[in-house]
Amino acid sequence: MTNTRNPTDDFLNALADLVAEKVIAKLDARPQQELYTIAELAERYGVSKDTIDRRVRDGRFGEIVRIGSKRRITADGVRHYDAMNKARN
């Protein structure tokens, strides 16, 4: 049995490579999202890590990002929290 190359497979592989390169380029061009740790926010607001943890779990910082088992709070979440607290005062 001879191993012949299939032109359709060659075309599809080349097309897939081009699409992958475009996707990678678009992902690389996105601005990186600023993320905060619970410890960083505790220091920022002058409260304990437990207090920030409770507020995160209560949803006061909006949706969080999980990196493995670690939780990070987005800059948008921090702005939301600040705006909500400013409105309360």
N, C-alpha and C. Protein backbone atom coordinates (compact mmCIF):
# COMPACT_ATOMS: atom_id res chain seq x y z
N MET A 1 0.84 -1.18 0.00
CA MET A 1 0.00 0.00 0.00
C MET A 1 0.89 1.24 0.00
N THR A 2 0.66 2.11 -0.92
CA THR A 2 1.46 3.33 -0.99
C THR A 2 0.76 4.43 -0.21
N ASN A 3 1.56 5.29 0.31
CA ASN A 3 1.06 6.40 1.12
C ASN A 3 0.99 7.64 0.23
N THR A 4 -0.19 7.95 -0.28
CA THR A 4 -0.34 9.12 -1.15
C THR A 4 -0.90 10.27 -0.34
N ARG A 5 -0.47 11.45 -0.70
CA ARG A 5 -0.93 12.67 -0.02
C ARG A 5 -2.26 13.08 -0.61
N ASN A 6 -3.14 13.47 0.25
CA ASN A 6 -4.46 13.92 -0.17
C ASN A 6 -4.43 15.44 -0.25
N PRO A 7 -4.68 16.03 -1.42
CA PRO A 7 -4.64 17.49 -1.55
C PRO A 7 -5.65 18.20 -0.65
N THR A 8 -6.78 17.56 -0.40
CA THR A 8 -7.78 18.18 0.47
C THR A 8 -7.25 18.28 1.90
N ASP A 9 -6.62 17.22 2.38
CA ASP A 9 -6.03 17.26 3.72
C ASP A 9 -4.94 18.31 3.82
N ASP A 10 -4.11 18.42 2.79
CA ASP A 10 -3.06 19.43 2.78
C ASP A 10 -3.66 20.83 2.86
N PHE A 11 -4.72 21.06 2.09
CA PHE A 11 -5.38 22.36 2.08
C PHE A 11 -5.97 22.66 3.46
N LEU A 12 -6.68 21.68 4.04
CA LEU A 12 -7.30 21.89 5.34
C LEU A 12 -6.26 22.12 6.44
N ASN A 13 -5.16 21.41 6.39
CA ASN A 13 -4.10 21.63 7.37
C ASN A 13 -3.49 23.02 7.24
N ALA A 14 -3.27 23.47 6.01
CA ALA A 14 -2.73 24.81 5.80
C ALA A 14 -3.72 25.86 6.27
N LEU A 15 -5.00 25.65 5.99
CA LEU A 15 -6.04 26.59 6.43
C LEU A 15 -6.12 26.63 7.95
N ALA A 16 -6.06 25.47 8.60
CA ALA A 16 -6.10 25.42 10.06
C ALA A 16 -4.90 26.16 10.67
N ASP A 17 -3.73 26.02 10.05
CA ASP A 17 -2.55 26.73 10.54
C ASP A 17 -2.73 28.23 10.43
N LEU A 18 -3.30 28.70 9.33
CA LEU A 18 -3.54 30.14 9.14
C LEU A 18 -4.54 30.67 10.17
N VAL A 19 -5.60 29.93 10.39
CA VAL A 19 -6.61 30.34 11.37
C VAL A 19 -5.99 30.39 12.77
N ALA A 20 -5.21 29.40 13.11
CA ALA A 20 -4.56 29.37 14.43
C ALA A 20 -3.64 30.57 14.60
N GLU A 21 -2.88 30.92 13.57
CA GLU A 21 -2.00 32.08 13.65
C GLU A 21 -2.79 33.36 13.86
N LYS A 22 -3.92 33.50 13.18
CA LYS A 22 -4.76 34.69 13.34
C LYS A 22 -5.33 34.77 14.76
N VAL A 23 -5.80 33.65 15.28
CA VAL A 23 -6.36 33.63 16.63
C VAL A 23 -5.30 34.01 17.66
N ILE A 24 -4.12 33.45 17.53
CA ILE A 24 -3.03 33.76 18.45
C ILE A 24 -2.67 35.24 18.38
N ALA A 25 -2.63 35.80 17.17
CA ALA A 25 -2.31 37.22 17.00
C ALA A 25 -3.36 38.09 17.67
N LYS A 26 -4.64 37.72 17.54
CA LYS A 26 -5.71 38.50 18.17
C LYS A 26 -5.64 38.40 19.69
N LEU A 27 -5.35 37.22 20.21
CA LEU A 27 -5.24 37.06 21.66
C LEU A 27 -4.06 37.85 22.20
N ASP A 28 -2.96 37.85 21.48
CA ASP A 28 -1.78 38.60 21.92
C ASP A 28 -2.01 40.10 21.88
N ALA A 29 -2.90 40.57 21.00
CA ALA A 29 -3.15 41.99 20.85
C ALA A 29 -4.12 42.54 21.89
N ARG A 30 -4.83 41.65 22.58
CA ARG A 30 -5.78 42.10 23.60
C ARG A 30 -5.05 42.71 24.78
N PRO A 31 -5.60 43.78 25.34
CA PRO A 31 -4.98 44.31 26.54
C PRO A 31 -5.16 43.31 27.68
N GLN A 32 -4.13 43.15 28.48
CA GLN A 32 -4.22 42.23 29.60
C GLN A 32 -5.07 42.85 30.70
N GLN A 33 -5.92 42.05 31.28
CA GLN A 33 -6.80 42.53 32.32
C GLN A 33 -6.04 42.64 33.63
N GLU A 34 -6.22 43.76 34.31
CA GLU A 34 -5.57 43.94 35.60
C GLU A 34 -6.35 43.16 36.66
N LEU A 35 -5.63 42.36 37.43
CA LEU A 35 -6.24 41.53 38.45
C LEU A 35 -5.61 41.81 39.81
N TYR A 36 -6.42 41.67 40.85
CA TYR A 36 -5.97 41.93 42.22
C TYR A 36 -6.16 40.69 43.08
N THR A 37 -5.26 40.50 44.03
CA THR A 37 -5.42 39.43 45.01
C THR A 37 -6.24 39.95 46.18
N ILE A 38 -6.72 39.03 46.98
CA ILE A 38 -7.45 39.41 48.19
C ILE A 38 -6.54 40.18 49.13
N ALA A 39 -5.28 39.76 49.24
CA ALA A 39 -4.32 40.47 50.11
C ALA A 39 -4.10 41.90 49.62
N GLU A 40 -4.00 42.10 48.33
CA GLU A 40 -3.81 43.46 47.79
C GLU A 40 -5.00 44.34 48.11
N LEU A 41 -6.20 43.79 47.99
CA LEU A 41 -7.39 44.59 48.28
C LEU A 41 -7.55 44.85 49.77
N ALA A 42 -7.15 43.90 50.60
CA ALA A 42 -7.19 44.12 52.05
C ALA A 42 -6.30 45.30 52.41
N GLU A 43 -5.11 45.34 51.83
CA GLU A 43 -4.20 46.46 52.09
C GLU A 43 -4.77 47.77 51.53
N ARG A 44 -5.32 47.72 50.35
CA ARG A 44 -5.89 48.92 49.71
C ARG A 44 -7.00 49.55 50.56
N TYR A 45 -7.87 48.69 51.12
CA TYR A 45 -9.02 49.19 51.86
C TYR A 45 -8.80 49.23 53.38
N GLY A 46 -7.63 48.77 53.84
CA GLY A 46 -7.33 48.81 55.27
C GLY A 46 -8.19 47.89 56.10
N VAL A 47 -8.52 46.73 55.54
CA VAL A 47 -9.31 45.74 56.27
C VAL A 47 -8.58 44.40 56.20
N SER A 48 -9.12 43.41 56.89
CA SER A 48 -8.47 42.09 56.89
C SER A 48 -8.76 41.34 55.59
N LYS A 49 -7.93 40.32 55.33
CA LYS A 49 -8.16 39.45 54.18
C LYS A 49 -9.49 38.72 54.32
N ASP A 50 -9.85 38.37 55.55
CA ASP A 50 -11.13 37.70 55.76
C ASP A 50 -12.31 38.59 55.37
N THR A 51 -12.19 39.88 55.66
CA THR A 51 -13.26 40.82 55.29
C THR A 51 -13.40 40.89 53.77
N ILE A 52 -12.28 41.01 53.08
CA ILE A 52 -12.34 41.06 51.61
C ILE A 52 -12.87 39.74 51.08
N ASP A 53 -12.42 38.63 51.64
CA ASP A 53 -12.90 37.32 51.21
C ASP A 53 -14.42 37.23 51.34
N ARG A 54 -14.94 37.69 52.45
CA ARG A 54 -16.39 37.69 52.66
C ARG A 54 -17.09 38.56 51.62
N ARG A 55 -16.54 39.74 51.35
CA ARG A 55 -17.15 40.64 50.38
C ARG A 55 -17.10 40.06 48.96
N VAL A 56 -16.02 39.36 48.65
CA VAL A 56 -15.91 38.70 47.35
C VAL A 56 -16.98 37.62 47.24
N ARG A 57 -17.10 36.79 48.28
CA ARG A 57 -18.11 35.72 48.28
C ARG A 57 -19.52 36.28 48.22
N ASP A 58 -19.74 37.47 48.81
CA ASP A 58 -21.06 38.12 48.77
C ASP A 58 -21.36 38.74 47.41
N GLY A 59 -20.36 38.77 46.53
CA GLY A 59 -20.57 39.30 45.19
C GLY A 59 -20.38 40.81 45.07
N ARG A 60 -19.82 41.43 46.09
CA ARG A 60 -19.66 42.89 46.05
C ARG A 60 -18.63 43.36 45.03
N PHE A 61 -17.74 42.45 44.61
CA PHE A 61 -16.74 42.80 43.60
C PHE A 61 -17.10 42.25 42.23
N GLY A 62 -18.32 41.79 42.08
CA GLY A 62 -18.74 41.22 40.79
C GLY A 62 -18.10 39.86 40.57
N GLU A 63 -18.02 39.48 39.31
CA GLU A 63 -17.45 38.18 38.98
C GLU A 63 -15.95 38.19 39.21
N ILE A 64 -15.46 37.06 39.64
CA ILE A 64 -14.02 36.93 39.88
C ILE A 64 -13.41 36.02 38.82
N VAL A 65 -12.10 36.07 38.73
CA VAL A 65 -11.36 35.21 37.82
C VAL A 65 -10.66 34.16 38.65
N ARG A 66 -10.77 32.92 38.23
CA ARG A 66 -10.07 31.84 38.92
C ARG A 66 -8.85 31.45 38.10
N ILE A 67 -7.72 31.40 38.77
CA ILE A 67 -6.48 30.93 38.16
C ILE A 67 -6.06 29.74 39.01
N GLY A 68 -6.39 28.57 38.53
CA GLY A 68 -6.21 27.37 39.35
C GLY A 68 -7.16 27.46 40.52
N SER A 69 -6.65 27.31 41.71
CA SER A 69 -7.50 27.43 42.89
C SER A 69 -7.51 28.85 43.46
N LYS A 70 -6.72 29.73 42.88
CA LYS A 70 -6.62 31.11 43.36
C LYS A 70 -7.70 31.97 42.73
N ARG A 71 -8.21 32.91 43.50
CA ARG A 71 -9.21 33.85 43.00
C ARG A 71 -8.57 35.21 42.81
N ARG A 72 -8.95 35.87 41.73
CA ARG A 72 -8.47 37.23 41.46
C ARG A 72 -9.68 38.11 41.17
N ILE A 73 -9.56 39.36 41.57
CA ILE A 73 -10.64 40.32 41.37
C ILE A 73 -10.21 41.25 40.25
N THR A 74 -11.11 41.49 39.30
CA THR A 74 -10.79 42.33 38.15
C THR A 74 -10.81 43.81 38.53
N ALA A 75 -10.14 44.61 37.72
CA ALA A 75 -10.16 46.07 37.92
C ALA A 75 -11.59 46.58 37.78
N ASP A 76 -12.38 45.99 36.87
CA ASP A 76 -13.79 46.39 36.74
C ASP A 76 -14.54 46.10 38.03
N GLY A 77 -14.23 44.96 38.67
CA GLY A 77 -14.88 44.62 39.92
C GLY A 77 -14.52 45.60 41.03
N VAL A 78 -13.28 46.04 41.06
CA VAL A 78 -12.84 47.01 42.06
C VAL A 78 -13.53 48.35 41.81
N ARG A 79 -13.61 48.78 40.55
CA ARG A 79 -14.32 50.03 40.23
C ARG A 79 -15.79 49.94 40.63
N HIS A 80 -16.41 48.80 40.38
CA HIS A 80 -17.81 48.59 40.76
C HIS A 80 -17.96 48.70 42.28
N TYR A 81 -17.08 48.05 43.01
CA TYR A 81 -17.11 48.09 44.47
C TYR A 81 -16.94 49.52 44.96
N ASP A 82 -15.98 50.23 44.40
CA ASP A 82 -15.75 51.63 44.80
C ASP A 82 -16.97 52.49 44.53
N ALA A 83 -17.58 52.31 43.36
CA ALA A 83 -18.76 53.11 43.01
C ALA A 83 -19.93 52.79 43.94
N MET A 84 -20.11 51.54 44.28
CA MET A 84 -21.20 51.17 45.18
C MET A 84 -20.98 51.73 46.58
N ASN A 85 -19.74 51.72 47.04
CA ASN A 85 -19.45 52.24 48.36
C ASN A 85 -19.52 53.75 48.39
N LYS A 86 -19.14 54.41 47.31
CA LYS A 86 -19.25 55.86 47.25
C LYS A 86 -20.72 56.28 47.28
N ALA A 87 -21.56 55.51 46.61
CA ALA A 87 -22.99 55.81 46.58
C ALA A 87 -23.62 55.64 47.96
N ARG A 88 -23.07 54.73 48.77
CA ARG A 88 -23.61 54.49 50.13
C ARG A 88 -23.22 55.60 51.09
N ASN A 89 -22.11 56.25 50.84
CA ASN A 89 -21.61 57.29 51.79
C ASN A 89 -22.15 58.63 51.47
